[in-house]
Protein backbone atom coordinates (compact mmCIF):
# COMPACT_ATOMS: atom_id res chain seq x y z
CA MET A 1 -27.72 -25.06 -14.50
CA THR A 2 -24.86 -23.78 -12.77
CA LEU A 3 -22.78 -20.95 -13.50
CA ASN A 4 -18.94 -21.11 -12.79
CA VAL A 5 -17.06 -18.01 -11.77
CA ILE A 6 -13.37 -18.41 -11.32
CA GLY A 7 -11.78 -15.61 -9.11
CA GLY A 8 -12.98 -14.07 -5.99
CA GLY A 9 -11.89 -10.47 -6.58
CA LEU A 10 -13.95 -7.58 -7.30
CA ALA A 11 -15.22 -8.81 -10.85
CA GLY A 12 -15.87 -12.36 -9.71
CA CYS A 13 -17.99 -11.40 -6.69
CA GLU A 14 -19.84 -8.81 -8.62
CA ALA A 15 -20.62 -11.24 -11.49
CA ALA A 16 -21.56 -14.12 -9.12
CA TRP A 17 -23.81 -11.67 -7.19
CA GLN A 18 -25.49 -10.33 -10.36
CA ALA A 19 -26.18 -13.73 -11.62
CA ALA A 20 -27.23 -15.34 -8.35
CA SER A 21 -29.57 -12.09 -7.60
CA ARG A 22 -31.18 -13.18 -11.02
CA GLY A 23 -31.93 -16.75 -10.01
CA VAL A 24 -28.99 -18.61 -11.12
CA LYS A 25 -26.89 -21.12 -9.09
CA VAL A 26 -23.34 -20.02 -8.90
CA THR A 27 -20.24 -21.88 -7.90
CA LEU A 28 -17.54 -19.33 -7.14
CA TYR A 29 -13.83 -20.43 -7.05
CA GLU A 30 -11.08 -18.76 -5.09
CA MET A 31 -7.69 -20.21 -4.65
CA ARG A 32 -6.94 -17.99 -1.46
CA PRO A 33 -6.01 -18.85 1.12
CA GLU A 34 -4.91 -22.32 0.44
CA GLN A 35 -2.85 -20.77 -2.67
CA SER A 36 -1.28 -17.48 -2.51
CA THR A 37 -0.85 -14.95 -5.19
CA GLY A 38 2.09 -13.09 -3.74
CA ALA A 39 0.30 -9.75 -3.66
CA HIS A 40 -2.65 -10.50 -1.38
CA HIS A 41 -2.33 -10.74 2.30
CA GLY A 42 -5.35 -12.52 3.56
CA GLY A 43 -8.20 -14.94 2.41
CA GLN A 44 -11.19 -12.56 2.28
CA LEU A 45 -13.02 -12.19 -1.02
CA ALA A 46 -12.56 -8.76 -2.82
CA GLU A 47 -9.38 -8.04 -0.96
CA LEU A 48 -7.79 -4.65 -2.25
CA VAL A 49 -4.31 -5.19 -3.16
CA CYS A 50 -3.05 -1.72 -4.06
CA SER A 51 -4.79 1.53 -2.89
CA ASN A 52 -8.19 1.69 -0.85
CA SER A 53 -9.47 4.42 -3.15
CA LEU A 54 -12.10 3.83 -5.74
CA ARG A 55 -11.22 7.24 -7.06
CA ALA A 56 -13.76 10.22 -7.66
CA ASP A 57 -17.21 9.89 -6.75
CA SER A 58 -18.77 12.92 -8.44
CA VAL A 59 -20.44 12.20 -11.86
CA LEU A 60 -18.68 15.12 -13.11
CA ASN A 61 -15.71 12.47 -13.38
CA ALA A 62 -16.08 9.48 -15.64
CA VAL A 63 -15.32 6.78 -12.78
CA GLY A 64 -17.78 8.49 -10.46
CA LEU A 65 -20.49 8.24 -13.34
CA LEU A 66 -19.46 4.53 -13.67
CA LYS A 67 -20.12 4.17 -9.96
CA GLN A 68 -23.55 5.81 -10.16
CA GLU A 69 -24.51 3.56 -12.97
CA MET A 70 -23.37 0.51 -10.89
CA ARG A 71 -25.66 1.82 -8.02
CA LEU A 72 -28.54 1.90 -10.39
CA LEU A 73 -27.94 -1.63 -11.25
CA GLY A 74 -27.71 -2.84 -7.66
CA SER A 75 -23.97 -3.37 -7.59
CA LEU A 76 -22.62 -5.48 -4.70
CA ILE A 77 -19.24 -3.90 -4.73
CA ILE A 78 -20.20 -0.32 -4.71
CA GLY A 79 -22.98 -0.98 -2.06
CA ALA A 80 -20.07 -2.44 0.08
CA ALA A 81 -17.80 0.48 -0.72
CA ASP A 82 -20.60 3.05 0.36
CA ARG A 83 -21.15 1.41 3.68
CA THR A 84 -17.37 1.17 4.47
CA ARG A 85 -16.12 4.48 3.25
CA VAL A 86 -13.52 6.52 5.06
CA PRO A 87 -12.81 10.15 4.57
CA ALA A 88 -11.09 10.95 1.33
CA GLY A 89 -12.38 14.52 -0.08
CA GLY A 90 -14.33 14.06 -3.13
CA ALA A 91 -13.10 10.41 -3.61
CA LEU A 92 -14.80 7.25 -2.49
CA ALA A 93 -12.24 5.53 -0.29
CA VAL A 94 -12.84 2.58 1.91
CA ASP A 95 -11.62 0.73 5.07
CA ARG A 96 -10.18 -2.18 3.25
CA GLU A 97 -10.63 -4.90 5.78
CA ALA A 98 -14.25 -3.84 6.51
CA PHE A 99 -14.85 -3.59 2.73
CA ALA A 100 -13.60 -7.17 2.01
CA LYS A 101 -15.34 -8.56 5.16
CA ALA A 102 -18.76 -7.02 3.96
CA VAL A 103 -18.29 -8.46 0.42
CA THR A 104 -17.25 -11.79 1.71
CA GLU A 105 -20.24 -11.90 4.20
CA GLN A 106 -22.77 -11.06 1.42
CA ILE A 107 -21.32 -13.62 -1.09
CA GLU A 108 -21.06 -16.35 1.53
CA GLY A 109 -24.58 -15.64 2.80
CA HIS A 110 -26.38 -15.76 -0.51
CA PRO A 111 -28.40 -18.99 -0.72
CA LEU A 112 -27.63 -19.41 -4.60
CA ILE A 113 -23.67 -19.02 -4.31
CA THR A 114 -21.51 -21.78 -3.25
CA VAL A 115 -17.95 -20.47 -2.38
CA VAL A 116 -15.23 -23.13 -3.42
CA ARG A 117 -11.65 -22.51 -1.75
CA GLU A 118 -9.49 -24.25 -4.33
CA GLU A 119 -7.21 -23.53 -7.31
CA VAL A 120 -8.62 -24.22 -10.75
CA HIS A 121 -6.29 -25.35 -13.11
CA ALA A 122 -8.60 -25.77 -16.25
CA VAL A 123 -11.58 -23.87 -17.29
CA PRO A 124 -14.43 -26.10 -16.51
CA GLU A 125 -17.27 -27.38 -18.97
CA GLY A 126 -20.49 -25.19 -19.07
CA TYR A 127 -21.35 -21.60 -18.51
CA THR A 128 -18.21 -20.09 -16.92
CA ILE A 129 -16.87 -16.53 -16.18
CA VAL A 130 -13.24 -16.30 -15.87
CA ALA A 131 -12.24 -13.30 -13.73
CA THR A 132 -9.07 -14.46 -12.18
CA GLY A 133 -7.51 -10.94 -12.66
CA PRO A 134 -3.95 -9.80 -13.05
CA LEU A 135 -2.45 -12.68 -10.88
CA THR A 136 -4.05 -15.68 -12.63
CA SER A 137 -2.27 -18.95 -11.51
CA SER A 138 0.44 -20.05 -13.81
CA SER A 139 -1.45 -23.45 -14.58
CA LEU A 140 -4.69 -21.78 -15.56
CA ALA A 141 -2.92 -19.16 -17.49
CA GLU A 142 -1.46 -21.94 -19.59
CA ASN A 143 -4.82 -23.53 -20.00
CA LEU A 144 -6.21 -20.33 -21.21
CA ARG A 145 -3.30 -19.72 -23.63
CA ALA A 146 -4.00 -23.06 -25.12
CA LYS A 147 -7.58 -22.41 -25.46
CA LEU A 148 -7.65 -19.03 -26.76
CA GLY A 149 -5.02 -19.35 -29.23
CA GLU A 150 -3.78 -15.92 -28.57
CA ASP A 151 -0.65 -14.92 -26.68
CA TYR A 152 -1.21 -13.00 -23.53
CA LEU A 153 -0.16 -9.32 -23.17
CA ALA A 154 1.39 -8.36 -19.77
CA PHE A 155 2.36 -5.21 -17.85
CA PHE A 156 3.50 -4.80 -14.20
CA ASP A 157 1.28 -3.23 -11.48
CA ALA A 158 2.56 -1.58 -8.14
CA ALA A 159 1.19 -1.08 -4.60
CA ALA A 160 2.06 1.86 -2.52
CA PRO A 161 3.10 1.47 1.06
CA ILE A 162 0.80 1.96 4.11
CA ILE A 163 2.03 3.79 7.28
CA THR A 164 0.75 4.37 10.85
CA ARG A 165 -0.95 7.81 11.48
CA ASP A 166 0.89 8.21 14.79
CA SER A 167 4.33 7.97 13.20
CA VAL A 168 3.88 11.16 10.96
CA ASP A 169 5.32 14.30 12.37
CA MET A 170 2.23 16.44 12.73
CA GLU A 171 4.61 19.42 13.52
CA LEU A 172 5.70 19.46 9.87
CA ALA A 173 2.48 17.70 8.10
CA TYR A 174 -1.02 19.24 7.77
CA PHE A 175 -4.57 18.25 6.59
CA ALA A 176 -5.99 19.94 3.49
CA SER A 177 -7.37 18.92 0.06
CA ARG A 178 -6.38 20.58 -3.03
CA TYR A 179 -7.94 23.94 -3.66
CA ASP A 180 -9.96 23.33 -0.35
CA LYS A 181 -12.42 21.22 -2.51
CA GLY A 182 -14.44 18.93 -0.04
CA ASP A 183 -13.14 18.19 3.42
CA ALA A 184 -9.55 18.44 4.35
CA ASP A 185 -8.90 14.70 4.22
CA TYR A 186 -5.47 14.25 2.93
CA LEU A 187 -2.40 14.51 5.18
CA ASN A 188 0.19 16.62 3.42
CA CYS A 189 3.91 16.18 3.92
CA PRO A 190 5.67 19.38 2.38
CA MET A 191 9.33 19.66 1.21
CA THR A 192 11.50 22.51 0.53
CA GLU A 193 13.61 22.70 -2.68
CA SER A 194 16.71 21.35 -0.96
CA GLN A 195 14.70 18.66 0.99
CA TYR A 196 13.13 17.46 -2.35
CA GLU A 197 16.55 17.42 -4.03
CA VAL A 198 17.99 15.02 -1.59
CA PHE A 199 14.94 12.92 -1.76
CA TYR A 200 14.95 12.93 -5.53
CA GLN A 201 18.79 11.92 -5.84
CA GLU A 202 18.55 9.13 -3.30
CA LEU A 203 15.36 7.71 -5.02
CA VAL A 204 16.81 7.44 -8.35
CA GLN A 205 19.75 5.65 -7.04
CA ALA A 206 17.82 3.28 -4.90
CA LYS A 207 18.12 -0.28 -5.06
CA LEU A 208 15.26 -2.16 -6.83
CA GLN A 209 13.61 -5.63 -6.18
CA GLU A 210 14.33 -8.19 -8.95
CA ILE A 211 11.31 -8.88 -10.91
CA LYS A 212 10.85 -12.20 -12.97
CA ASP A 213 10.34 -11.46 -16.73
CA LEU A 214 12.06 -8.03 -16.14
CA ASP A 215 12.89 -7.83 -19.86
CA LYS A 216 9.23 -7.87 -20.71
CA LEU A 217 8.47 -4.97 -18.28
CA VAL A 218 5.86 -2.64 -19.39
CA VAL A 219 4.33 -0.31 -16.80
CA PHE A 220 0.84 1.10 -17.13
CA GLU A 221 0.94 4.86 -16.73
CA GLY A 222 -1.67 4.91 -14.29
CA CYS A 223 0.22 2.72 -11.92
CA MET A 224 3.68 4.04 -12.71
CA PRO A 225 6.35 3.26 -9.81
CA ILE A 226 7.51 6.45 -8.22
CA GLU A 227 11.13 5.65 -9.15
CA THR A 228 10.27 5.12 -12.66
CA MET A 229 8.47 8.46 -12.68
CA ALA A 230 11.58 10.12 -11.09
CA SER A 231 13.98 8.59 -13.80
CA ARG A 232 11.89 10.46 -16.39
CA GLY A 233 13.28 13.98 -14.92
CA ARG A 234 13.83 15.87 -11.84
CA ASP A 235 10.53 17.46 -11.91
CA THR A 236 8.44 14.91 -13.22
CA MET A 237 7.17 13.97 -9.61
CA ARG A 238 6.24 17.61 -8.96
CA PHE A 239 4.02 17.56 -12.09
CA GLY A 240 2.28 14.34 -10.70
CA PRO A 241 1.66 12.87 -7.11
CA LEU A 242 4.10 15.61 -5.50
CA LYS A 243 2.30 18.61 -7.18
CA PRO A 244 2.28 21.34 -4.60
CA VAL A 245 -0.35 23.38 -6.59
CA GLY A 246 -3.64 24.36 -4.49
CA LEU A 247 -1.93 23.00 -1.24
CA ILE A 248 -0.90 26.03 0.74
CA ASP A 249 0.63 25.27 4.04
CA PRO A 250 -1.83 27.03 6.70
CA ARG A 251 0.95 27.54 8.96
CA ASN A 252 2.84 30.09 6.93
CA GLY A 253 0.61 30.84 3.88
CA GLN A 254 3.18 29.49 1.44
CA ARG A 255 2.87 26.81 -1.19
CA PRO A 256 5.49 24.12 -0.69
CA TYR A 257 8.14 23.11 -3.32
CA ALA A 258 6.62 19.72 -3.23
CA VAL A 259 4.13 17.86 -1.46
CA VAL A 260 3.74 14.10 -0.53
CA GLN A 261 0.14 13.18 0.36
CA LEU A 262 -1.26 10.53 2.56
CA ARG A 263 -4.61 9.11 2.27
CA GLN A 264 -6.78 7.48 4.99
CA ASP A 265 -6.79 3.75 4.60
CA ASN A 266 -9.15 2.33 7.42
CA ARG A 267 -12.14 3.59 9.27
CA GLU A 268 -10.38 4.32 12.44
CA GLY A 269 -7.80 6.64 10.77
CA THR A 270 -4.84 4.89 12.02
CA LEU A 271 -3.37 3.85 8.74
CA PHE A 272 -2.65 5.96 5.75
CA ASN A 273 -1.32 5.25 2.28
CA MET A 274 1.34 7.19 0.23
CA VAL A 275 -0.65 8.62 -2.73
CA GLY A 276 1.13 7.70 -5.90
CA PHE A 277 3.89 5.98 -4.27
CA GLN A 278 3.61 2.61 -6.07
CA THR A 279 6.97 1.14 -6.17
CA ARG A 280 9.47 -1.83 -6.77
CA LEU A 281 12.16 -0.60 -4.50
CA LYS A 282 13.68 -2.93 -2.01
CA TRP A 283 11.72 -3.03 1.35
CA SER A 284 14.79 -1.31 3.12
CA GLU A 285 15.32 1.21 0.57
CA GLN A 286 11.75 2.34 0.88
CA GLN A 287 12.28 2.75 4.60
CA ARG A 288 15.62 4.49 3.99
CA VAL A 289 14.31 6.86 1.02
CA PHE A 290 10.83 7.61 1.89
CA ARG A 291 11.95 8.57 5.54
CA LEU A 292 13.88 11.44 3.69
CA ILE A 293 10.54 13.06 3.54
CA PRO A 294 10.66 15.40 6.51
CA ALA A 295 7.16 14.57 8.14
CA LEU A 296 7.89 10.75 7.58
CA ALA A 297 11.28 10.80 9.30
CA ARG A 298 10.13 8.19 11.83
CA ALA A 299 7.30 6.64 9.74
CA GLU A 300 6.39 3.06 10.71
CA PHE A 301 5.39 0.99 7.59
CA VAL A 302 2.61 -1.74 8.26
CA ARG A 303 3.06 -2.56 4.44
CA PHE A 304 5.75 -1.86 2.22
CA GLY A 305 4.93 -1.23 -1.66
CA VAL A 306 5.19 -4.29 -3.81
CA MET A 307 5.17 -4.82 -7.53
CA HIS A 308 3.70 -7.77 -9.47
CA ARG A 309 2.87 -8.97 -13.09
CA ASN A 310 -0.43 -7.98 -14.42
CA THR A 311 -1.62 -10.29 -17.31
CA PHE A 312 -4.59 -9.65 -19.85
CA ILE A 313 -5.90 -11.16 -22.86
CA ASN A 314 -6.09 -9.41 -26.32
CA SER A 315 -10.07 -8.63 -25.85
CA ARG A 316 -10.25 -6.73 -29.19
CA ARG A 317 -9.80 -10.08 -30.99
CA LEU A 318 -11.20 -12.46 -28.53
CA LEU A 319 -14.41 -11.06 -27.06
CA THR A 320 -17.83 -9.83 -28.08
CA PRO A 321 -19.27 -6.38 -26.69
CA SER A 322 -21.25 -8.68 -24.33
CA LEU A 323 -17.83 -10.23 -22.82
CA GLU A 324 -18.52 -13.65 -24.45
CA LEU A 325 -15.51 -15.60 -26.00
CA ARG A 326 -16.11 -15.34 -29.85
CA SER A 327 -14.81 -18.98 -30.20
CA ASP A 328 -17.11 -20.28 -27.37
CA PRO A 329 -19.88 -18.09 -26.34
CA ARG A 330 -20.47 -20.16 -22.90
CA LEU A 331 -17.29 -18.62 -21.80
CA LEU A 332 -17.20 -15.11 -20.67
CA PHE A 333 -14.33 -12.96 -19.21
CA ALA A 334 -14.43 -10.04 -16.63
CA GLY A 335 -12.07 -7.77 -14.52
CA GLN A 336 -8.40 -6.61 -15.28
CA LEU A 337 -7.87 -9.92 -17.28
CA THR A 338 -10.05 -8.30 -19.95
CA GLY A 339 -7.88 -5.02 -20.14
CA VAL A 340 -9.92 -2.72 -18.07
CA GLU A 341 -7.94 -1.03 -15.34
CA GLY A 342 -9.03 0.02 -11.95
CA TYR A 343 -11.15 -1.38 -9.14
CA VAL A 344 -14.26 0.30 -10.40
CA GLU A 345 -13.79 -0.75 -13.96
CA SER A 346 -13.00 -4.37 -12.86
CA ALA A 347 -16.16 -4.62 -10.92
CA ALA A 348 -18.41 -3.12 -13.75
CA SER A 349 -17.05 -5.66 -16.17
CA GLY A 350 -18.12 -8.32 -13.50
CA LEU A 351 -21.51 -6.89 -13.34
CA ILE A 352 -21.89 -6.98 -17.13
CA ALA A 353 -20.62 -10.65 -17.34
CA GLY A 354 -22.83 -11.82 -14.62
CA VAL A 355 -25.86 -10.15 -16.24
CA ASN A 356 -25.15 -11.51 -19.47
CA ALA A 357 -24.54 -14.97 -18.18
CA ALA A 358 -27.92 -14.93 -16.30
CA CYS A 359 -29.33 -13.79 -19.72
CA LYS A 360 -27.89 -16.72 -21.52
CA ILE A 361 -28.71 -19.33 -18.99
CA SER A 362 -32.44 -18.23 -18.93
CA GLY A 363 -32.64 -18.23 -22.62
CA ARG A 364 -32.47 -14.35 -23.21
CA ALA A 365 -30.05 -12.87 -25.65
CA PRO A 366 -26.98 -11.12 -24.01
CA LEU A 367 -26.98 -7.35 -23.59
CA VAL A 368 -24.68 -5.00 -25.25
CA PHE A 369 -24.83 -1.57 -23.10
CA PRO A 370 -25.20 1.73 -25.13
CA VAL A 371 -21.93 3.19 -25.81
CA GLU A 372 -23.34 6.52 -24.35
CA THR A 373 -23.22 5.01 -20.89
CA ALA A 374 -19.91 4.51 -19.14
CA HIS A 375 -20.31 0.71 -19.07
CA GLY A 376 -20.88 0.74 -22.74
CA ALA A 377 -18.10 2.90 -23.78
CA LEU A 378 -15.60 1.14 -21.56
CA ILE A 379 -16.46 -2.35 -22.85
CA ASN A 380 -16.64 -0.96 -26.44
CA TYR A 381 -13.09 0.28 -26.07
CA ILE A 382 -11.74 -2.99 -25.06
CA THR A 383 -13.75 -5.12 -27.67
CA GLU A 384 -13.84 -3.04 -30.66
CA ASP A 385 -11.33 -3.54 -33.38
CA GLN A 386 -8.91 -0.51 -33.45
CA PRO A 387 -5.44 0.24 -34.75
CA GLY A 388 -2.44 0.20 -32.65
CA PRO A 389 -1.34 -2.02 -29.68
CA PHE A 390 -3.92 -3.01 -27.15
CA GLN A 391 -3.25 -1.22 -23.66
CA PRO A 392 -5.46 -1.37 -20.43
CA MET A 393 -7.95 1.47 -19.97
CA ASN A 394 -9.38 3.22 -17.25
CA VAL A 395 -12.85 4.90 -17.90
CA THR A 396 -12.74 8.28 -19.08
CA PHE A 397 -15.11 10.69 -20.92
CA GLY A 398 -12.99 10.55 -23.87
CA LEU A 399 -14.43 7.06 -24.49
CA LEU A 400 -17.96 8.39 -24.84
CA PRO A 401 -19.37 9.69 -28.09
CA PRO A 402 -19.43 13.45 -28.28
CA LEU A 403 -22.52 15.36 -27.21
CA ASP A 404 -25.01 16.68 -30.00
CA CYS A 405 -23.88 20.23 -29.04
CA ARG A 406 -20.34 21.51 -28.32
CA VAL A 407 -19.86 22.77 -24.84
CA LYS A 408 -16.80 24.48 -23.92
CA ASP A 409 -17.32 24.62 -20.22
CA LYS A 410 -15.71 21.45 -18.88
CA GLN A 411 -18.04 20.97 -15.96
CA ARG A 412 -21.29 21.54 -18.11
CA ARG A 413 -19.81 19.13 -20.77
CA ASN A 414 -19.21 16.46 -17.99
CA GLN A 415 -22.61 16.89 -16.47
CA GLY A 416 -24.15 16.69 -20.01
CA TYR A 417 -22.23 13.53 -20.28
CA ALA A 418 -23.50 12.11 -17.20
CA ASP A 419 -27.13 13.08 -17.81
CA ARG A 420 -27.22 11.44 -21.21
CA ALA A 421 -25.61 8.28 -19.89
CA ILE A 422 -28.13 7.80 -17.01
CA GLY A 423 -31.03 8.53 -19.34
CA LYS A 424 -29.71 6.09 -21.94
CA LEU A 425 -29.02 3.51 -19.16
CA THR A 426 -32.59 3.88 -17.58
CA ASP A 427 -34.28 3.76 -21.15
CA PHE A 428 -32.22 0.79 -22.22
CA PHE A 429 -33.25 -1.51 -19.21
CA ASN A 430 -36.80 -0.50 -19.40
CA LYS A 431 -37.19 -1.46 -22.73
CA ALA A 432 -35.18 -4.53 -22.39
CA ASP A 433 -37.00 -6.18 -19.50
CA PRO A 434 -37.58 -4.16 -16.37
CA CYS A 435 -38.89 -7.00 -14.42
CA TYR A 436 -35.92 -9.09 -15.04
CA LEU A 437 -33.19 -6.50 -14.95
CA PHE A 438 -34.48 -4.56 -12.17
CA SER A 439 -35.64 -7.26 -9.75
CA PRO A 440 -36.21 -6.45 -5.96
CA GLU A 441 -33.03 -8.31 -5.16
CA THR A 442 -30.77 -6.05 -7.37
CA THR A 443 -32.05 -2.56 -6.27
């Protein structure tokens, strides 16, 4: 029996890998490069569209815990990220080209995975994982809409510009990490109050790209365009991505009024992305306004910021905690289409869907991860019936059940969450079927 996986992004690749590593034949469909999404730039699998950062890597952060759980489960995506990482302080950032190449080579080299480069217009019969992400093609979206009987929800997601390292004025910029935590991997571009005022005024007046369905614009807070943030008040950016706290300029010992941070985007360190600068400004406006940042006065942009529609289903009504469609258990969903938000979260949902598809095909019951784990808490959030509108969610310790004992110190509390999660995960899998779930191919 063959498992169909639709979508060659992080979730789809992880799902295909997990199922194939458990002996299941997989056909992975990816419409690129024959059919473009408008946001991707190439034809590699697992291309990172927005940032090159998979965020914090310490288990004292919820997304770091999620990564560690994925490492224990033999994640394809986290394994490739670890091998292609670039300096980013306490974050796991990757050389995006090397990362996509590593994932593509492993997927295409697996003897049980067949990659088909064509657009899927309708969900095929049989066991299928839909992991088409926020840029699901219009024809498949309409097919899913009819099949699910539920309206889609949508918001708009944005990507930040990437500039060349050599075009940054190093007489004005300096390397540092906030509060000197970790290595000084971020390139900081300071601004005085008067410089910030000019930048702010030009930013809020800059011309925007026209976006289809603008009347339906709902922006996810975690990917808010910089101009939207600026429109909320003069100092909003200074309490967000331009926050100067902990970034003392080593040349004068002073804290700048505002700081724009750049993060390394490739292994060679020749490209840097503008942290927190997701945008829908017109490209000419991006060049004009962002060059008002003194250290970026001669910035060379290798990619301008873009904004695109992000589509997701009402998972709370449609999916079980094992990511099966309630009305058709042969159909599973994974990735941002389910309402998880973020690279790591998308891949984690693909891991769960891939494991459960393999379970079902082999005659085993699908697994529901313990809510004490980062995986279980995240999936519980998107599938449990709760009041209020359904919004995309990043993993956070706030999704996990409280610890048995109240711990005031945040670091100790987060360590407690992490210790409990790893213990629960290990115990859960050992009791479920250690030979099957921890096969040599997946560890």
